[in-house]
Amino acid sequence: MVAGWFTEADGEEGFRLLGTRCSACSAVFFPREDSLCRNPACEGGALAEVPLSKRGRVWSYTDGRYRPPEPYASDPDAAWEPYTLLAVELEAERMVVLGQAAPGVTVAALSVGAEVEVVPGILSEDADTTWTTWHWRPVQEER
């Protein structure tokens, strides 16, 4: 896990990506920014941690059909499975955040403009450590 990039709350309901907001210009950043406002038109203000929107809309997506090179965690002895990458425009912030789709979500289940939500995920694990991350999952219509 990258410290400070998302909540560590148990369960999906409390899970959120964390960004920072500038007090002077209200710009929001993800990944978080802790030293200075990245807005070139801003003279700078205090940066405060803010939870980002839990939901957004698919801006773009693709499938990854190659094993990522080092330094990414990839067990060379494990069977390879393609993965799905998404660019998601967050509802309130109107910013695009990249991430991997939840396990089992393929490009066939996605379309540009479809609503997705951020959920906790596992990047890699071994006997001693589980590295956590975020995943995007299509929102199921409530019936």
N, C-alpha and C. Protein backbone atom coordinates (compact mmCIF):
# COMPACT_ATOMS: atom_id res chain seq x y z
N MET A 1 0.84 -1.18 0.00
CA MET A 1 0.00 0.00 0.00
C MET A 1 0.88 1.24 0.00
N VAL A 2 0.46 2.24 -0.71
CA VAL A 2 1.14 3.52 -0.67
C VAL A 2 0.46 4.35 0.41
N ALA A 3 1.19 4.66 1.47
CA ALA A 3 0.61 5.35 2.62
C ALA A 3 -0.03 6.67 2.20
N GLY A 4 -1.27 6.88 2.65
CA GLY A 4 -1.96 8.13 2.42
C GLY A 4 -2.69 8.25 1.09
N TRP A 5 -2.66 7.21 0.25
CA TRP A 5 -3.34 7.29 -1.04
C TRP A 5 -4.79 6.83 -0.95
N PHE A 6 -5.14 6.06 0.06
CA PHE A 6 -6.53 5.64 0.25
C PHE A 6 -6.75 5.28 1.71
N THR A 7 -8.03 5.23 2.08
CA THR A 7 -8.38 4.92 3.46
C THR A 7 -8.02 3.47 3.75
N GLU A 8 -7.85 3.19 5.01
CA GLU A 8 -7.58 1.82 5.42
C GLU A 8 -8.79 1.25 6.14
N ALA A 9 -9.95 1.86 5.93
CA ALA A 9 -11.18 1.40 6.59
C ALA A 9 -11.50 -0.02 6.15
N ASP A 10 -12.03 -0.79 7.07
CA ASP A 10 -12.43 -2.16 6.72
C ASP A 10 -13.67 -2.13 5.84
N GLY A 11 -13.68 -2.98 4.85
CA GLY A 11 -14.86 -3.12 4.00
C GLY A 11 -14.90 -2.12 2.87
N GLU A 12 -15.77 -2.41 1.93
CA GLU A 12 -15.89 -1.59 0.73
C GLU A 12 -16.58 -0.27 0.97
N GLU A 13 -17.53 -0.22 1.90
CA GLU A 13 -18.33 0.99 2.09
C GLU A 13 -17.49 2.19 2.50
N GLY A 14 -16.51 1.99 3.38
CA GLY A 14 -15.69 3.10 3.87
C GLY A 14 -14.45 3.36 3.04
N PHE A 15 -14.21 2.56 2.02
CA PHE A 15 -12.98 2.68 1.24
C PHE A 15 -13.07 3.88 0.29
N ARG A 16 -12.07 4.77 0.33
CA ARG A 16 -12.03 5.95 -0.54
C ARG A 16 -10.59 6.26 -0.90
N LEU A 17 -10.39 6.78 -2.10
CA LEU A 17 -9.10 7.35 -2.46
C LEU A 17 -8.96 8.67 -1.71
N LEU A 18 -7.73 9.04 -1.37
CA LEU A 18 -7.48 10.28 -0.65
C LEU A 18 -6.64 11.21 -1.51
N GLY A 19 -7.06 12.44 -1.59
CA GLY A 19 -6.31 13.46 -2.31
C GLY A 19 -6.03 14.61 -1.37
N THR A 20 -5.56 15.70 -1.94
CA THR A 20 -5.37 16.92 -1.16
C THR A 20 -6.00 18.08 -1.92
N ARG A 21 -6.50 19.06 -1.16
CA ARG A 21 -7.13 20.25 -1.74
C ARG A 21 -6.38 21.48 -1.26
N CYS A 22 -6.10 22.39 -2.19
CA CYS A 22 -5.43 23.65 -1.86
C CYS A 22 -6.46 24.62 -1.27
N SER A 23 -6.11 25.24 -0.15
CA SER A 23 -7.03 26.18 0.49
C SER A 23 -7.14 27.49 -0.28
N ALA A 24 -6.16 27.82 -1.12
CA ALA A 24 -6.18 29.08 -1.85
C ALA A 24 -6.99 29.00 -3.14
N CYS A 25 -6.83 27.93 -3.92
CA CYS A 25 -7.49 27.86 -5.23
C CYS A 25 -8.50 26.71 -5.34
N SER A 26 -8.60 25.87 -4.33
CA SER A 26 -9.52 24.72 -4.28
C SER A 26 -9.17 23.60 -5.24
N ALA A 27 -7.98 23.65 -5.86
CA ALA A 27 -7.56 22.55 -6.75
C ALA A 27 -7.39 21.28 -5.92
N VAL A 28 -7.80 20.14 -6.50
CA VAL A 28 -7.68 18.85 -5.84
C VAL A 28 -6.65 18.02 -6.59
N PHE A 29 -5.81 17.31 -5.83
CA PHE A 29 -4.74 16.52 -6.42
C PHE A 29 -4.81 15.06 -6.02
N PHE A 30 -4.58 14.19 -6.98
CA PHE A 30 -4.36 12.77 -6.76
C PHE A 30 -3.41 12.30 -7.83
N PRO A 31 -2.32 11.64 -7.47
CA PRO A 31 -1.96 11.34 -6.10
C PRO A 31 -1.79 12.62 -5.28
N ARG A 32 -1.89 12.43 -3.99
CA ARG A 32 -1.86 13.55 -3.06
C ARG A 32 -0.60 14.37 -3.23
N GLU A 33 -0.70 15.61 -2.85
CA GLU A 33 0.43 16.55 -2.86
C GLU A 33 0.52 17.11 -1.45
N ASP A 34 1.68 17.02 -0.84
CA ASP A 34 1.82 17.49 0.54
C ASP A 34 2.74 18.69 0.71
N SER A 35 3.38 19.14 -0.38
CA SER A 35 4.33 20.24 -0.18
C SER A 35 3.88 21.56 -0.81
N LEU A 36 3.35 21.55 -2.05
CA LEU A 36 2.93 22.80 -2.65
C LEU A 36 1.83 22.57 -3.68
N CYS A 37 1.07 23.61 -3.93
CA CYS A 37 -0.02 23.55 -4.90
C CYS A 37 0.58 23.41 -6.30
N ARG A 38 0.10 22.44 -7.08
CA ARG A 38 0.62 22.21 -8.43
C ARG A 38 -0.04 23.11 -9.47
N ASN A 39 -1.01 23.91 -9.07
CA ASN A 39 -1.68 24.82 -9.99
C ASN A 39 -0.75 25.99 -10.27
N PRO A 40 -0.27 26.14 -11.52
CA PRO A 40 0.69 27.22 -11.81
C PRO A 40 0.11 28.62 -11.63
N ALA A 41 -1.21 28.77 -11.62
CA ALA A 41 -1.84 30.08 -11.45
C ALA A 41 -2.06 30.42 -9.97
N CYS A 42 -1.72 29.51 -9.08
CA CYS A 42 -1.97 29.70 -7.65
C CYS A 42 -0.68 30.09 -6.93
N GLU A 43 -0.80 31.04 -6.01
CA GLU A 43 0.36 31.43 -5.20
C GLU A 43 0.57 30.48 -4.04
N GLY A 44 -0.34 29.53 -3.86
CA GLY A 44 -0.17 28.50 -2.84
C GLY A 44 -0.97 28.75 -1.60
N GLY A 45 -1.40 27.67 -1.01
CA GLY A 45 -2.14 27.72 0.23
C GLY A 45 -1.88 26.42 0.97
N ALA A 46 -2.54 26.27 2.11
CA ALA A 46 -2.40 25.04 2.88
C ALA A 46 -3.06 23.90 2.12
N LEU A 47 -2.48 22.73 2.19
CA LEU A 47 -3.03 21.55 1.54
C LEU A 47 -3.65 20.64 2.59
N ALA A 48 -4.91 20.30 2.38
CA ALA A 48 -5.63 19.46 3.34
C ALA A 48 -6.06 18.16 2.68
N GLU A 49 -5.96 17.07 3.42
CA GLU A 49 -6.40 15.77 2.92
C GLU A 49 -7.91 15.77 2.74
N VAL A 50 -8.38 15.23 1.61
CA VAL A 50 -9.81 15.12 1.34
C VAL A 50 -10.11 13.75 0.73
N PRO A 51 -11.22 13.12 1.14
CA PRO A 51 -11.64 11.89 0.47
C PRO A 51 -12.19 12.25 -0.90
N LEU A 52 -11.87 11.46 -1.90
CA LEU A 52 -12.35 11.71 -3.25
C LEU A 52 -13.66 10.97 -3.49
N SER A 53 -14.34 11.31 -4.55
CA SER A 53 -15.61 10.67 -4.90
C SER A 53 -15.43 9.16 -4.97
N LYS A 54 -16.39 8.44 -4.46
CA LYS A 54 -16.36 6.97 -4.50
C LYS A 54 -16.72 6.47 -5.90
N ARG A 55 -17.50 7.27 -6.64
CA ARG A 55 -17.96 6.85 -7.97
C ARG A 55 -17.50 7.81 -9.05
N GLY A 56 -17.45 7.27 -10.24
CA GLY A 56 -17.11 8.07 -11.40
C GLY A 56 -17.59 7.36 -12.66
N ARG A 57 -17.21 7.90 -13.81
CA ARG A 57 -17.62 7.33 -15.10
C ARG A 57 -16.38 6.95 -15.90
N VAL A 58 -16.49 5.82 -16.60
CA VAL A 58 -15.38 5.34 -17.40
C VAL A 58 -15.08 6.37 -18.49
N TRP A 59 -13.87 6.84 -18.52
CA TRP A 59 -13.41 7.79 -19.51
C TRP A 59 -12.73 7.04 -20.65
N SER A 60 -12.00 5.97 -20.29
CA SER A 60 -11.33 5.12 -21.26
C SER A 60 -10.96 3.81 -20.57
N TYR A 61 -10.68 2.78 -21.36
CA TYR A 61 -10.28 1.49 -20.79
C TYR A 61 -9.55 0.68 -21.84
N THR A 62 -8.78 -0.30 -21.37
CA THR A 62 -8.05 -1.21 -22.26
C THR A 62 -7.69 -2.47 -21.49
N ASP A 63 -7.28 -3.48 -22.20
CA ASP A 63 -6.82 -4.68 -21.52
C ASP A 63 -5.30 -4.78 -21.64
N GLY A 64 -4.69 -5.30 -20.58
CA GLY A 64 -3.24 -5.50 -20.54
C GLY A 64 -2.96 -6.97 -20.82
N ARG A 65 -2.32 -7.25 -21.91
CA ARG A 65 -2.07 -8.64 -22.29
C ARG A 65 -0.60 -9.01 -22.19
N TYR A 66 0.13 -8.27 -21.38
CA TYR A 66 1.54 -8.58 -21.18
C TYR A 66 1.85 -8.58 -19.69
N ARG A 67 2.85 -9.32 -19.31
CA ARG A 67 3.30 -9.33 -17.92
C ARG A 67 4.11 -8.05 -17.70
N PRO A 68 3.75 -7.23 -16.69
CA PRO A 68 4.49 -5.98 -16.49
C PRO A 68 5.94 -6.25 -16.12
N PRO A 69 6.85 -5.40 -16.58
CA PRO A 69 8.26 -5.56 -16.26
C PRO A 69 8.56 -5.10 -14.83
N GLU A 70 9.74 -5.43 -14.35
CA GLU A 70 10.20 -4.93 -13.04
C GLU A 70 10.12 -3.41 -13.06
N PRO A 71 9.80 -2.73 -12.00
CA PRO A 71 9.76 -3.20 -10.63
C PRO A 71 8.38 -3.68 -10.19
N TYR A 72 7.43 -3.83 -11.10
CA TYR A 72 6.09 -4.26 -10.73
C TYR A 72 6.10 -5.68 -10.23
N ALA A 73 5.25 -5.94 -9.24
CA ALA A 73 5.16 -7.28 -8.65
C ALA A 73 4.49 -8.22 -9.64
N SER A 74 5.21 -9.24 -10.05
CA SER A 74 4.68 -10.20 -11.00
C SER A 74 5.44 -11.51 -10.82
N ASP A 75 4.77 -12.51 -10.30
CA ASP A 75 5.38 -13.80 -10.06
C ASP A 75 5.63 -14.51 -11.39
N PRO A 76 6.88 -14.68 -11.78
CA PRO A 76 7.18 -15.30 -13.09
C PRO A 76 6.74 -16.76 -13.17
N ASP A 77 6.49 -17.39 -12.02
CA ASP A 77 6.07 -18.79 -12.03
C ASP A 77 4.55 -18.94 -12.06
N ALA A 78 3.83 -17.85 -11.83
CA ALA A 78 2.36 -17.91 -11.80
C ALA A 78 1.81 -17.85 -13.22
N ALA A 79 0.66 -18.49 -13.40
CA ALA A 79 -0.02 -18.42 -14.71
C ALA A 79 -0.40 -16.97 -14.97
N TRP A 80 -0.21 -16.54 -16.22
CA TRP A 80 -0.49 -15.15 -16.55
C TRP A 80 -1.95 -14.97 -16.93
N GLU A 81 -2.59 -13.93 -16.40
CA GLU A 81 -3.96 -13.59 -16.76
C GLU A 81 -3.99 -12.13 -17.17
N PRO A 82 -4.61 -11.82 -18.31
CA PRO A 82 -4.75 -10.41 -18.70
C PRO A 82 -5.52 -9.63 -17.63
N TYR A 83 -5.32 -8.33 -17.61
CA TYR A 83 -5.99 -7.48 -16.64
C TYR A 83 -6.59 -6.30 -17.40
N THR A 84 -7.51 -5.61 -16.77
CA THR A 84 -8.20 -4.49 -17.40
C THR A 84 -7.82 -3.20 -16.68
N LEU A 85 -7.45 -2.19 -17.45
CA LEU A 85 -7.09 -0.88 -16.91
C LEU A 85 -8.17 0.12 -17.28
N LEU A 86 -8.49 1.01 -16.34
CA LEU A 86 -9.50 2.03 -16.57
C LEU A 86 -8.98 3.42 -16.26
N ALA A 87 -9.46 4.39 -16.99
CA ALA A 87 -9.31 5.80 -16.66
C ALA A 87 -10.72 6.25 -16.29
N VAL A 88 -10.88 6.74 -15.06
CA VAL A 88 -12.20 7.06 -14.52
C VAL A 88 -12.25 8.54 -14.16
N GLU A 89 -13.28 9.24 -14.68
CA GLU A 89 -13.48 10.63 -14.30
C GLU A 89 -14.34 10.65 -13.04
N LEU A 90 -13.77 11.17 -11.94
CA LEU A 90 -14.50 11.22 -10.67
C LEU A 90 -15.63 12.23 -10.74
N GLU A 91 -16.74 11.89 -10.07
CA GLU A 91 -17.97 12.70 -10.12
C GLU A 91 -17.75 14.15 -9.73
N ALA A 92 -17.35 14.38 -8.50
CA ALA A 92 -17.29 15.75 -7.98
C ALA A 92 -16.04 16.49 -8.44
N GLU A 93 -14.92 15.80 -8.48
CA GLU A 93 -13.64 16.46 -8.76
C GLU A 93 -13.41 16.71 -10.25
N ARG A 94 -14.11 15.98 -11.09
CA ARG A 94 -13.97 16.12 -12.55
C ARG A 94 -12.50 15.92 -12.96
N MET A 95 -11.84 14.97 -12.28
CA MET A 95 -10.46 14.62 -12.61
C MET A 95 -10.42 13.14 -12.97
N VAL A 96 -9.46 12.76 -13.80
CA VAL A 96 -9.35 11.37 -14.25
C VAL A 96 -8.30 10.66 -13.41
N VAL A 97 -8.69 9.49 -12.88
CA VAL A 97 -7.81 8.66 -12.07
C VAL A 97 -7.70 7.30 -12.74
N LEU A 98 -6.49 6.81 -12.87
CA LEU A 98 -6.25 5.51 -13.48
C LEU A 98 -6.30 4.42 -12.42
N GLY A 99 -6.56 3.20 -12.85
CA GLY A 99 -6.54 2.07 -11.94
C GLY A 99 -6.94 0.79 -12.65
N GLN A 100 -6.75 -0.29 -11.96
CA GLN A 100 -7.06 -1.60 -12.49
C GLN A 100 -8.51 -1.95 -12.15
N ALA A 101 -9.14 -2.72 -13.02
CA ALA A 101 -10.50 -3.19 -12.76
C ALA A 101 -10.46 -4.28 -11.69
N ALA A 102 -11.56 -4.45 -10.99
CA ALA A 102 -11.67 -5.52 -10.00
C ALA A 102 -11.53 -6.87 -10.71
N PRO A 103 -11.05 -7.89 -10.01
CA PRO A 103 -10.91 -9.21 -10.62
C PRO A 103 -12.22 -9.66 -11.27
N GLY A 104 -12.10 -10.21 -12.46
CA GLY A 104 -13.27 -10.71 -13.18
C GLY A 104 -13.91 -9.68 -14.10
N VAL A 105 -13.55 -8.41 -13.97
CA VAL A 105 -14.11 -7.37 -14.84
C VAL A 105 -13.24 -7.29 -16.09
N THR A 106 -13.83 -7.57 -17.23
CA THR A 106 -13.09 -7.53 -18.50
C THR A 106 -13.58 -6.35 -19.33
N VAL A 107 -12.89 -6.11 -20.45
CA VAL A 107 -13.31 -5.01 -21.32
C VAL A 107 -14.71 -5.25 -21.87
N ALA A 108 -15.14 -6.49 -21.95
CA ALA A 108 -16.48 -6.79 -22.45
C ALA A 108 -17.57 -6.27 -21.51
N ALA A 109 -17.23 -6.05 -20.24
CA ALA A 109 -18.22 -5.58 -19.26
C ALA A 109 -18.22 -4.06 -19.13
N LEU A 110 -17.40 -3.36 -19.93
CA LEU A 110 -17.25 -1.92 -19.78
C LEU A 110 -17.69 -1.16 -21.02
N SER A 111 -17.98 0.10 -20.82
CA SER A 111 -18.24 1.02 -21.93
C SER A 111 -17.92 2.42 -21.45
N VAL A 112 -17.52 3.29 -22.37
CA VAL A 112 -17.24 4.67 -22.01
C VAL A 112 -18.53 5.29 -21.46
N GLY A 113 -18.41 5.96 -20.33
CA GLY A 113 -19.57 6.58 -19.69
C GLY A 113 -20.24 5.72 -18.64
N ALA A 114 -19.87 4.43 -18.56
CA ALA A 114 -20.47 3.55 -17.55
C ALA A 114 -20.03 3.98 -16.16
N GLU A 115 -20.94 3.85 -15.19
CA GLU A 115 -20.62 4.24 -13.82
C GLU A 115 -19.85 3.12 -13.12
N VAL A 116 -18.76 3.50 -12.43
CA VAL A 116 -17.96 2.56 -11.67
C VAL A 116 -17.72 3.13 -10.28
N GLU A 117 -17.32 2.25 -9.36
CA GLU A 117 -17.00 2.68 -8.00
C GLU A 117 -15.66 2.10 -7.59
N VAL A 118 -14.99 2.81 -6.69
CA VAL A 118 -13.69 2.37 -6.20
C VAL A 118 -13.91 1.38 -5.06
N VAL A 119 -13.14 0.29 -5.08
CA VAL A 119 -13.22 -0.75 -4.04
C VAL A 119 -11.79 -1.17 -3.68
N PRO A 120 -11.59 -1.72 -2.48
CA PRO A 120 -10.25 -2.17 -2.11
C PRO A 120 -9.85 -3.38 -2.95
N GLY A 121 -8.57 -3.50 -3.18
CA GLY A 121 -8.07 -4.63 -3.95
C GLY A 121 -6.71 -5.08 -3.45
N ILE A 122 -6.26 -6.20 -3.97
CA ILE A 122 -4.95 -6.74 -3.61
C ILE A 122 -4.05 -6.64 -4.82
N LEU A 123 -2.92 -5.97 -4.64
CA LEU A 123 -1.94 -5.84 -5.70
C LEU A 123 -1.08 -7.10 -5.78
N SER A 124 -0.63 -7.55 -4.61
CA SER A 124 0.23 -8.73 -4.53
C SER A 124 0.24 -9.19 -3.08
N GLU A 125 0.60 -10.44 -2.87
CA GLU A 125 0.73 -10.92 -1.50
C GLU A 125 1.70 -12.10 -1.47
N ASP A 126 2.32 -12.25 -0.30
CA ASP A 126 3.15 -13.41 -0.06
C ASP A 126 2.83 -13.90 1.35
N ALA A 127 3.64 -14.80 1.88
CA ALA A 127 3.35 -15.38 3.19
C ALA A 127 3.35 -14.34 4.31
N ASP A 128 4.10 -13.25 4.13
CA ASP A 128 4.24 -12.26 5.19
C ASP A 128 3.46 -10.97 4.98
N THR A 129 3.18 -10.62 3.73
CA THR A 129 2.64 -9.29 3.45
C THR A 129 1.56 -9.33 2.37
N THR A 130 0.54 -8.50 2.55
CA THR A 130 -0.46 -8.27 1.51
C THR A 130 -0.35 -6.80 1.12
N TRP A 131 -0.08 -6.54 -0.17
CA TRP A 131 0.01 -5.17 -0.66
C TRP A 131 -1.34 -4.80 -1.22
N THR A 132 -1.94 -3.76 -0.65
CA THR A 132 -3.29 -3.37 -1.05
C THR A 132 -3.24 -2.21 -2.04
N THR A 133 -4.31 -2.08 -2.80
CA THR A 133 -4.45 -1.03 -3.80
C THR A 133 -5.94 -0.74 -3.96
N TRP A 134 -6.31 -0.05 -5.02
CA TRP A 134 -7.71 0.19 -5.33
C TRP A 134 -8.03 -0.46 -6.67
N HIS A 135 -9.29 -0.82 -6.83
CA HIS A 135 -9.80 -1.35 -8.09
C HIS A 135 -11.07 -0.59 -8.44
N TRP A 136 -11.44 -0.64 -9.71
CA TRP A 136 -12.70 -0.05 -10.18
C TRP A 136 -13.65 -1.18 -10.53
N ARG A 137 -14.90 -1.06 -10.09
CA ARG A 137 -15.91 -2.07 -10.34
C ARG A 137 -17.17 -1.40 -10.87
N PRO A 138 -17.78 -1.98 -11.91
CA PRO A 138 -19.05 -1.42 -12.41
C PRO A 138 -20.09 -1.37 -11.29
N VAL A 139 -20.86 -0.29 -11.27
CA VAL A 139 -21.94 -0.13 -10.29
C VAL A 139 -23.13 -0.97 -10.77
N GLN A 140 -23.62 -1.79 -9.88
CA GLN A 140 -24.79 -2.61 -10.20
C GLN A 140 -26.04 -1.78 -9.96
N GLU A 141 -26.94 -1.79 -10.92
CA GLU A 141 -28.20 -1.05 -10.77
C GLU A 141 -29.01 -1.66 -9.64
N GLU A 142 -29.54 -0.79 -8.78
CA GLU A 142 -30.39 -1.25 -7.67
C GLU A 142 -31.78 -1.53 -8.19
N ARG A 143 -32.31 -2.65 -7.77
CA ARG A 143 -33.65 -3.03 -8.24
C ARG A 143 -34.63 -3.07 -7.11
